[in-house]
Amino acid sequence: MPFYEYRCADCGHEFEAMQKMSDEPLKDCPECGKPALVKLISAAGFQLKGGGWYETDFKGSGKSSSSDKAPAEGSGCCGGSCACQ
C-alpha cells in the first residue's frame, strides 16, 4: 500500500498515512480535528525488484554501443530492412 502525505490547511500539521489506492482521502486533521486536510503531491519512492532489474543496467560503461552510432550512408535507420531509405 502506498503512503500519502497530508497537510492541514488550518494548523499546518503534516503527516503520512498508508492507504489503499481505492480509499477515500482523509479529511479530518488528527491534531486540531478540523476537516481541513489537503493531500500533497510528492515524488513516489519505488524500487524495481526481481530478475533483470539492476541499478547498473542503463549506466554508461564508457564504451559506445552500436545503437549510439549513426547509420551508415544510404542504409536508413535500420540497415535496409524497412522502407525508410
PDB file of N, CA and C in Angstrom:
ATOM      1  N   MET A   1       0.848  -1.189   0.000  1.00  0.00           N
ATOM      2  CA  MET A   1       0.000   0.000   0.000  1.00  0.00           C
ATOM      3  C   MET A   1       0.887   1.245   0.000  1.00  0.00           C
ATOM      4  N   PRO A   2       0.482   2.243  -0.756  1.00  0.00           N
ATOM      5  CA  PRO A   2       1.288   3.464  -0.822  1.00  0.00           C
ATOM      6  C   PRO A   2       1.071   4.377   0.381  1.00  0.00           C
ATOM      7  N   PHE A   3       2.055   5.232   0.609  1.00  0.00           N
ATOM      8  CA  PHE A   3       1.952   6.271   1.629  1.00  0.00           C
ATOM      9  C   PHE A   3       1.528   7.561   0.940  1.00  0.00           C
ATOM     10  N   TYR A   4       0.625   8.291   1.582  1.00  0.00           N
ATOM     11  CA  TYR A   4       0.183   9.587   1.084  1.00  0.00           C
ATOM     12  C   TYR A   4       0.524  10.636   2.123  1.00  0.00           C
ATOM     13  N   GLU A   5       0.906  11.821   1.649  1.00  0.00           N
ATOM     14  CA  GLU A   5       1.227  12.922   2.547  1.00  0.00           C
ATOM     15  C   GLU A   5       0.046  13.874   2.611  1.00  0.00           C
ATOM     16  N   TYR A   6      -0.221  14.361   3.820  1.00  0.00           N
ATOM     17  CA  TYR A   6      -1.319  15.300   4.040  1.00  0.00           C
ATOM     18  C   TYR A   6      -0.810  16.501   4.828  1.00  0.00           C
ATOM     19  N   ARG A   7      -1.472  17.647   4.615  1.00  0.00           N
ATOM     20  CA  ARG A   7      -1.205  18.853   5.402  1.00  0.00           C
ATOM     21  C   ARG A   7      -2.543  19.476   5.768  1.00  0.00           C
ATOM     22  N   CYS A   8      -2.648  19.923   7.018  1.00  0.00           N
ATOM     23  CA  CYS A   8      -3.858  20.603   7.472  1.00  0.00           C
ATOM     24  C   CYS A   8      -3.773  22.065   7.043  1.00  0.00           C
ATOM     25  N   ALA A   9      -4.800  22.549   6.375  1.00  0.00           N
ATOM     26  CA  ALA A   9      -4.847  23.937   5.928  1.00  0.00           C
ATOM     27  C   ALA A   9      -5.045  24.894   7.093  1.00  0.00           C
ATOM     28  N   ASP A  10      -5.570  24.414   8.228  1.00  0.00           N
ATOM     29  CA  ASP A  10      -5.798  25.278   9.387  1.00  0.00           C
ATOM     30  C   ASP A  10      -4.565  25.391  10.282  1.00  0.00           C
ATOM     31  N   CYS A  11      -4.056  24.247  10.755  1.00  0.00           N
ATOM     32  CA  CYS A  11      -2.963  24.288  11.738  1.00  0.00           C
ATOM     33  C   CYS A  11      -1.593  24.004  11.138  1.00  0.00           C
ATOM     34  N   GLY A  12      -1.522  23.544   9.878  1.00  0.00           N
ATOM     35  CA  GLY A  12      -0.247  23.293   9.219  1.00  0.00           C
ATOM     36  C   GLY A  12       0.386  21.952   9.545  1.00  0.00           C
ATOM     37  N   HIS A  13      -0.291  21.112  10.314  1.00  0.00           N
ATOM     38  CA  HIS A  13       0.250  19.793  10.679  1.00  0.00           C
ATOM     39  C   HIS A  13       0.423  18.954   9.412  1.00  0.00           C
ATOM     40  N   GLU A  14       1.625  18.323   9.264  1.00  0.00           N
ATOM     41  CA  GLU A  14       1.899  17.440   8.133  1.00  0.00           C
ATOM     42  C   GLU A  14       2.160  16.034   8.638  1.00  0.00           C
ATOM     43  N   PHE A  15       1.658  15.040   7.885  1.00  0.00           N
ATOM     44  CA  PHE A  15       1.881  13.647   8.264  1.00  0.00           C
ATOM     45  C   PHE A  15       1.692  12.756   7.053  1.00  0.00           C
ATOM     46  N   GLU A  16       2.113  11.500   7.197  1.00  0.00           N
ATOM     47  CA  GLU A  16       1.938  10.490   6.156  1.00  0.00           C
ATOM     48  C   GLU A  16       0.919   9.465   6.636  1.00  0.00           C
ATOM     49  N   ALA A  17       0.165   8.920   5.690  1.00  0.00           N
ATOM     50  CA  ALA A  17      -0.798   7.874   6.016  1.00  0.00           C
ATOM     51  C   ALA A  17      -0.693   6.771   4.963  1.00  0.00           C
ATOM     52  N   MET A  18      -0.664   5.530   5.418  1.00  0.00           N
ATOM     53  CA  MET A  18      -0.644   4.401   4.499  1.00  0.00           C
ATOM     54  C   MET A  18      -2.095   4.044   4.190  1.00  0.00           C
ATOM     55  N   GLN A  19      -2.454   4.114   2.906  1.00  0.00           N
ATOM     56  CA  GLN A  19      -3.831   3.860   2.486  1.00  0.00           C
ATOM     57  C   GLN A  19      -3.832   3.065   1.194  1.00  0.00           C
ATOM     58  N   LYS A  20      -4.922   2.352   0.984  1.00  0.00           N
ATOM     59  CA  LYS A  20      -5.140   1.706  -0.302  1.00  0.00           C
ATOM     60  C   LYS A  20      -5.421   2.792  -1.329  1.00  0.00           C
ATOM     61  N   MET A  21      -5.108   2.498  -2.583  1.00  0.00           N
ATOM     62  CA  MET A  21      -5.382   3.477  -3.635  1.00  0.00           C
ATOM     63  C   MET A  21      -6.878   3.722  -3.782  1.00  0.00           C
ATOM     64  N   SER A  22      -7.690   2.756  -3.407  1.00  0.00           N
ATOM     65  CA  SER A  22      -9.139   2.884  -3.534  1.00  0.00           C
ATOM     66  C   SER A  22      -9.778   3.596  -2.341  1.00  0.00           C
ATOM     67  N   ASP A  23      -9.008   3.851  -1.265  1.00  0.00           N
ATOM     68  CA  ASP A  23      -9.549   4.536  -0.081  1.00  0.00           C
ATOM     69  C   ASP A  23      -9.844   6.000  -0.385  1.00  0.00           C
ATOM     70  N   GLU A  24     -10.864   6.535   0.263  1.00  0.00           N
ATOM     71  CA  GLU A  24     -11.176   7.956   0.159  1.00  0.00           C
ATOM     72  C   GLU A  24     -10.075   8.758   0.866  1.00  0.00           C
ATOM     73  N   PRO A  25      -9.760   9.951   0.355  1.00  0.00           N
ATOM     74  CA  PRO A  25      -8.764  10.791   1.029  1.00  0.00           C
ATOM     75  C   PRO A  25      -9.228  11.155   2.439  1.00  0.00           C
ATOM     76  N   LEU A  26      -8.269  11.297   3.350  1.00  0.00           N
ATOM     77  CA  LEU A  26      -8.596  11.694   4.717  1.00  0.00           C
ATOM     78  C   LEU A  26      -9.064  13.142   4.716  1.00  0.00           C
ATOM     79  N   LYS A  27      -9.928  13.488   5.658  1.00  0.00           N
ATOM     80  CA  LYS A  27     -10.475  14.840   5.726  1.00  0.00           C
ATOM     81  C   LYS A  27     -10.178  15.530   7.045  1.00  0.00           C
ATOM     82  N   ASP A  28     -10.213  14.785   8.157  1.00  0.00           N
ATOM     83  CA  ASP A  28     -10.073  15.384   9.488  1.00  0.00           C
ATOM     84  C   ASP A  28      -8.633  15.334   9.976  1.00  0.00           C
ATOM     85  N   CYS A  29      -8.131  16.476  10.433  1.00  0.00           N
ATOM     86  CA  CYS A  29      -6.769  16.587  10.946  1.00  0.00           C
ATOM     87  C   CYS A  29      -6.670  15.882  12.295  1.00  0.00           C
ATOM     88  N   PRO A  30      -5.648  15.021  12.495  1.00  0.00           N
ATOM     89  CA  PRO A  30      -5.508  14.346  13.781  1.00  0.00           C
ATOM     90  C   PRO A  30      -5.045  15.288  14.899  1.00  0.00           C
ATOM     91  N   GLU A  31      -4.499  16.458  14.570  1.00  0.00           N
ATOM     92  CA  GLU A  31      -4.041  17.418  15.583  1.00  0.00           C
ATOM     93  C   GLU A  31      -5.164  18.326  16.060  1.00  0.00           C
ATOM     94  N   CYS A  32      -5.800  19.025  15.127  1.00  0.00           N
ATOM     95  CA  CYS A  32      -6.818  20.009  15.521  1.00  0.00           C
ATOM     96  C   CYS A  32      -8.246  19.501  15.352  1.00  0.00           C
ATOM     97  N   GLY A  33      -8.445  18.396  14.623  1.00  0.00           N
ATOM     98  CA  GLY A  33      -9.769  17.811  14.455  1.00  0.00           C
ATOM     99  C   GLY A  33     -10.634  18.460  13.392  1.00  0.00           C
ATOM    100  N   LYS A  34     -10.136  19.500  12.732  1.00  0.00           N
ATOM    101  CA  LYS A  34     -10.932  20.195  11.722  1.00  0.00           C
ATOM    102  C   LYS A  34     -10.832  19.473  10.376  1.00  0.00           C
ATOM    103  N   PRO A  35     -11.899  19.527   9.568  1.00  0.00           N
ATOM    104  CA  PRO A  35     -11.892  18.876   8.245  1.00  0.00           C
ATOM    105  C   PRO A  35     -11.167  19.741   7.199  1.00  0.00           C
ATOM    106  N   ALA A  36      -9.850  19.917   7.377  1.00  0.00           N
ATOM    107  CA  ALA A  36      -9.104  20.830   6.518  1.00  0.00           C
ATOM    108  C   ALA A  36      -7.866  20.174   5.906  1.00  0.00           C
ATOM    109  N   LEU A  37      -7.866  18.842   5.778  1.00  0.00           N
ATOM    110  CA  LEU A  37      -6.693  18.162   5.222  1.00  0.00           C
ATOM    111  C   LEU A  37      -6.628  18.308   3.710  1.00  0.00           C
ATOM    112  N   VAL A  38      -5.409  18.477   3.213  1.00  0.00           N
ATOM    113  CA  VAL A  38      -5.142  18.562   1.784  1.00  0.00           C
ATOM    114  C   VAL A  38      -4.106  17.495   1.469  1.00  0.00           C
ATOM    115  N   LYS A  39      -4.382  16.678   0.452  1.00  0.00           N
ATOM    116  CA  LYS A  39      -3.422  15.651   0.035  1.00  0.00           C
ATOM    117  C   LYS A  39      -2.327  16.336  -0.761  1.00  0.00           C
ATOM    118  N   LEU A  40      -1.079  16.083  -0.379  1.00  0.00           N
ATOM    119  CA  LEU A  40       0.063  16.700  -1.044  1.00  0.00           C
ATOM    120  C   LEU A  40       0.542  15.827  -2.197  1.00  0.00           C
ATOM    121  N   ILE A  41       1.115  16.460  -3.186  1.00  0.00           N
ATOM    122  CA  ILE A  41       1.714  15.741  -4.307  1.00  0.00           C
ATOM    123  C   ILE A  41       3.198  15.595  -3.980  1.00  0.00           C
ATOM    124  N   SER A  42       3.691  14.385  -4.015  1.00  0.00           N
ATOM    125  CA  SER A  42       5.099  14.154  -3.714  1.00  0.00           C
ATOM    126  C   SER A  42       5.653  13.093  -4.655  1.00  0.00           C
ATOM    127  N   ALA A  43       6.958  13.022  -4.725  1.00  0.00           N
ATOM    128  CA  ALA A  43       7.610  12.031  -5.576  1.00  0.00           C
ATOM    129  C   ALA A  43       7.383  10.645  -5.003  1.00  0.00           C
ATOM    130  N   ALA A  44       7.052   9.734  -5.867  1.00  0.00           N
ATOM    131  CA  ALA A  44       6.834   8.359  -5.427  1.00  0.00           C
ATOM    132  C   ALA A  44       8.172   7.677  -5.219  1.00  0.00           C
ATOM    133  N   GLY A  45       8.336   7.040  -4.103  1.00  0.00           N
ATOM    134  CA  GLY A  45       9.554   6.282  -3.854  1.00  0.00           C
ATOM    135  C   GLY A  45       9.287   4.822  -4.153  1.00  0.00           C
ATOM    136  N   PHE A  46       9.892   4.320  -5.220  1.00  0.00           N
ATOM    137  CA  PHE A  46       9.698   2.912  -5.533  1.00  0.00           C
ATOM    138  C   PHE A  46      11.016   2.321  -5.998  1.00  0.00           C
ATOM    139  N   GLN A  47      11.100   1.033  -5.921  1.00  0.00           N
ATOM    140  CA  GLN A  47      12.309   0.324  -6.317  1.00  0.00           C
ATOM    141  C   GLN A  47      11.894  -0.885  -7.134  1.00  0.00           C
ATOM    142  N   LEU A  48      12.534  -1.039  -8.289  1.00  0.00           N
ATOM    143  CA  LEU A  48      12.246  -2.196  -9.124  1.00  0.00           C
ATOM    144  C   LEU A  48      13.002  -3.390  -8.569  1.00  0.00           C
ATOM    145  N   LYS A  49      12.283  -4.471  -8.332  1.00  0.00           N
ATOM    146  CA  LYS A  49      12.899  -5.669  -7.784  1.00  0.00           C
ATOM    147  C   LYS A  49      12.592  -6.851  -8.681  1.00  0.00           C
ATOM    148  N   GLY A  50      13.408  -7.876  -8.563  1.00  0.00           N
ATOM    149  CA  GLY A  50      13.183  -9.084  -9.336  1.00  0.00           C
ATOM    150  C   GLY A  50      14.265  -9.287 -10.372  1.00  0.00           C
ATOM    151  N   GLY A  51      14.201 -10.388 -11.046  1.00  0.00           N
ATOM    152  CA  GLY A  51      15.203 -10.721 -12.045  1.00  0.00           C
ATOM    153  C   GLY A  51      15.226  -9.734 -13.189  1.00  0.00           C
ATOM    154  N   GLY A  52      16.423  -9.309 -13.590  1.00  0.00           N
ATOM    155  CA  GLY A  52      16.561  -8.441 -14.737  1.00  0.00           C
ATOM    156  C   GLY A  52      16.612  -6.966 -14.424  1.00  0.00           C
ATOM    157  N   TRP A  53      16.313  -6.544 -13.216  1.00  0.00           N
ATOM    158  CA  TRP A  53      16.347  -5.130 -12.872  1.00  0.00           C
ATOM    159  C   TRP A  53      17.547  -4.876 -11.971  1.00  0.00           C
ATOM    160  N   TYR A  54      18.528  -4.212 -12.518  1.00  0.00           N
ATOM    161  CA  TYR A  54      19.726  -3.908 -11.755  1.00  0.00           C
ATOM    162  C   TYR A  54      20.048  -2.432 -11.895  1.00  0.00           C
ATOM    163  N   GLU A  55      20.628  -1.869 -10.882  1.00  0.00           N
ATOM    164  CA  GLU A  55      20.971  -0.450 -10.873  1.00  0.00           C
ATOM    165  C   GLU A  55      21.910  -0.097 -12.018  1.00  0.00           C
ATOM    166  N   THR A  56      22.749  -1.024 -12.406  1.00  0.00           N
ATOM    167  CA  THR A  56      23.756  -0.750 -13.427  1.00  0.00           C
ATOM    168  C   THR A  56      23.293  -1.055 -14.851  1.00  0.00           C
ATOM    169  N   ASP A  57      22.080  -1.489 -15.043  1.00  0.00           N
ATOM    170  CA  ASP A  57      21.613  -1.875 -16.377  1.00  0.00           C
ATOM    171  C   ASP A  57      21.718  -0.759 -17.407  1.00  0.00           C
ATOM    172  N   PHE A  58      21.442   0.466 -17.031  1.00  0.00           N
ATOM    173  CA  PHE A  58      21.382   1.544 -18.000  1.00  0.00           C
ATOM    174  C   PHE A  58      22.439   2.608 -17.780  1.00  0.00           C
ATOM    175  N   LYS A  59      23.425   2.333 -16.964  1.00  0.00           N
ATOM    176  CA  LYS A  59      24.503   3.292 -16.764  1.00  0.00           C
ATOM    177  C   LYS A  59      25.545   3.106 -17.847  1.00  0.00           C
ATOM    178  N   GLY A  60      26.155   4.194 -18.265  1.00  0.00           N
ATOM    179  CA  GLY A  60      27.172   4.137 -19.304  1.00  0.00           C
ATOM    180  C   GLY A  60      28.414   3.406 -18.827  1.00  0.00           C
ATOM    181  N   SER A  61      28.990   2.600 -19.691  1.00  0.00           N
ATOM    182  CA  SER A  61      30.190   1.855 -19.335  1.00  0.00           C
ATOM    183  C   SER A  61      31.432   2.497 -19.946  1.00  0.00           C
ATOM    184  N   GLY A  62      31.255   3.629 -20.642  1.00  0.00           N
ATOM    185  CA  GLY A  62      32.383   4.275 -21.281  1.00  0.00           C
ATOM    186  C   GLY A  62      32.567   3.824 -22.719  1.00  0.00           C
ATOM    187  N   LYS A  63      31.995   2.700 -23.097  1.00  0.00           N
ATOM    188  CA  LYS A  63      32.073   2.194 -24.464  1.00  0.00           C
ATOM    189  C   LYS A  63      30.792   2.586 -25.188  1.00  0.00           C
ATOM    190  N   SER A  64      30.906   2.926 -26.457  1.00  0.00           N
ATOM    191  CA  SER A  64      29.699   3.243 -27.212  1.00  0.00           C
ATOM    192  C   SER A  64      29.168   1.963 -27.837  1.00  0.00           C
ATOM    193  N   SER A  65      27.887   1.804 -27.757  1.00  0.00           N
ATOM    194  CA  SER A  65      27.263   0.614 -28.338  1.00  0.00           C
ATOM    195  C   SER A  65      26.907   0.894 -29.787  1.00  0.00           C
ATOM    196  N   SER A  66      26.486  -0.122 -30.503  1.00  0.00           N
ATOM    197  CA  SER A  66      26.130   0.057 -31.909  1.00  0.00           C
ATOM    198  C   SER A  66      24.918   0.955 -32.070  1.00  0.00           C
ATOM    199  N   SER A  67      24.066   1.048 -31.042  1.00  0.00           N
ATOM    200  CA  SER A  67      22.891   1.907 -31.138  1.00  0.00           C
ATOM    201  C   SER A  67      23.274   3.372 -30.990  1.00  0.00           C
ATOM    202  N   ASP A  68      24.487   3.670 -30.470  1.00  0.00           N
ATOM    203  CA  ASP A  68      24.929   5.047 -30.331  1.00  0.00           C
ATOM    204  C   ASP A  68      25.475   5.607 -31.639  1.00  0.00           C
ATOM    205  N   LYS A  69      25.818   4.744 -32.578  1.00  0.00           N
ATOM    206  CA  LYS A  69      26.438   5.170 -33.828  1.00  0.00           C
ATOM    207  C   LYS A  69      25.368   5.557 -34.834  1.00  0.00           C
ATOM    208  N   ALA A  70      25.693   6.530 -35.666  1.00  0.00           N
ATOM    209  CA  ALA A  70      24.775   6.936 -36.726  1.00  0.00           C
ATOM    210  C   ALA A  70      24.735   5.851 -37.792  1.00  0.00           C
ATOM    211  N   PRO A  71      23.601   5.647 -38.475  1.00  0.00           N
ATOM    212  CA  PRO A  71      23.536   4.646 -39.528  1.00  0.00           C
ATOM    213  C   PRO A  71      24.461   5.021 -40.679  1.00  0.00           C
ATOM    214  N   ALA A  72      24.952   4.031 -41.364  1.00  0.00           N
ATOM    215  CA  ALA A  72      25.851   4.251 -42.494  1.00  0.00           C
ATOM    216  C   ALA A  72      25.111   4.965 -43.611  1.00  0.00           C
ATOM    217  N   GLU A  73      25.845   5.670 -44.413  1.00  0.00           N
ATOM    218  CA  GLU A  73      25.270   6.428 -45.531  1.00  0.00           C
ATOM    219  C   GLU A  73      24.411   5.528 -46.410  1.00  0.00           C
ATOM    220  N   GLY A  74      23.175   5.910 -46.670  1.00  0.00           N
ATOM    221  CA  GLY A  74      22.295   5.164 -47.551  1.00  0.00           C
ATOM    222  C   GLY A  74      21.683   3.920 -46.936  1.00  0.00           C
ATOM    223  N   SER A  75      21.936   3.671 -45.666  1.00  0.00           N
ATOM    224  CA  SER A  75      21.394   2.458 -45.058  1.00  0.00           C
ATOM    225  C   SER A  75      20.103   2.698 -44.311  1.00  0.00           C
ATOM    226  N   GLY A  76      19.639   3.943 -44.207  1.00  0.00           N
ATOM    227  CA  GLY A  76      18.416   4.235 -43.477  1.00  0.00           C
ATOM    228  C   GLY A  76      18.602   4.046 -41.988  1.00  0.00           C
ATOM    229  N   CYS A  77      17.542   3.956 -41.258  1.00  0.00           N
ATOM    230  CA  CYS A  77      17.631   3.840 -39.804  1.00  0.00           C
ATOM    231  C   CYS A  77      17.889   2.409 -39.352  1.00  0.00           C
ATOM    232  N   CYS A  78      17.643   1.450 -40.197  1.00  0.00           N
ATOM    233  CA  CYS A  78      17.706   0.060 -39.749  1.00  0.00           C
ATOM    234  C   CYS A  78      18.590  -0.814 -40.605  1.00  0.00           C
ATOM    235  N   GLY A  79      19.427  -0.232 -41.442  1.00  0.00           N
ATOM    236  CA  GLY A  79      20.324  -1.049 -42.257  1.00  0.00           C
ATOM    237  C   GLY A  79      19.678  -1.628 -43.493  1.00  0.00           C
ATOM    238  N   GLY A  80      18.552  -1.069 -43.919  1.00  0.00           N
ATOM    239  CA  GLY A  80      17.938  -1.503 -45.157  1.00  0.00           C
ATOM    240  C   GLY A  80      16.819  -2.511 -45.013  1.00  0.00           C
ATOM    241  N   SER A  81      16.371  -2.799 -43.786  1.00  0.00           N
ATOM    242  CA  SER A  81      15.319  -3.802 -43.627  1.00  0.00           C
ATOM    243  C   SER A  81      13.927  -3.194 -43.533  1.00  0.00           C
ATOM    244  N   CYS A  82      13.801  -1.874 -43.813  1.00  0.00           N
ATOM    245  CA  CYS A  82      12.468  -1.260 -43.837  1.00  0.00           C
ATOM    246  C   CYS A  82      12.408  -0.249 -44.973  1.00  0.00           C
ATOM    247  N   ALA A  83      11.329   0.485 -45.054  1.00  0.00           N
ATOM    248  CA  ALA A  83      11.117   1.415 -46.169  1.00  0.00           C
ATOM    249  C   ALA A  83      11.591   2.829 -45.840  1.00  0.00           C
ATOM    250  N   CYS A  84      12.530   2.980 -44.916  1.00  0.00           N
ATOM    251  CA  CYS A  84      12.971   4.321 -44.512  1.00  0.00           C
ATOM    252  C   CYS A  84      14.017   4.913 -45.442  1.00  0.00           C
ATOM    253  N   GLN A  85      14.503   4.156 -46.386  1.00  0.00           N
ATOM    254  CA  GLN A  85      15.583   4.643 -47.261  1.00  0.00           C
ATOM    255  C   GLN A  85      15.101   5.627 -48.276  1.00  0.00           C
TER     256      GLN A  85
END
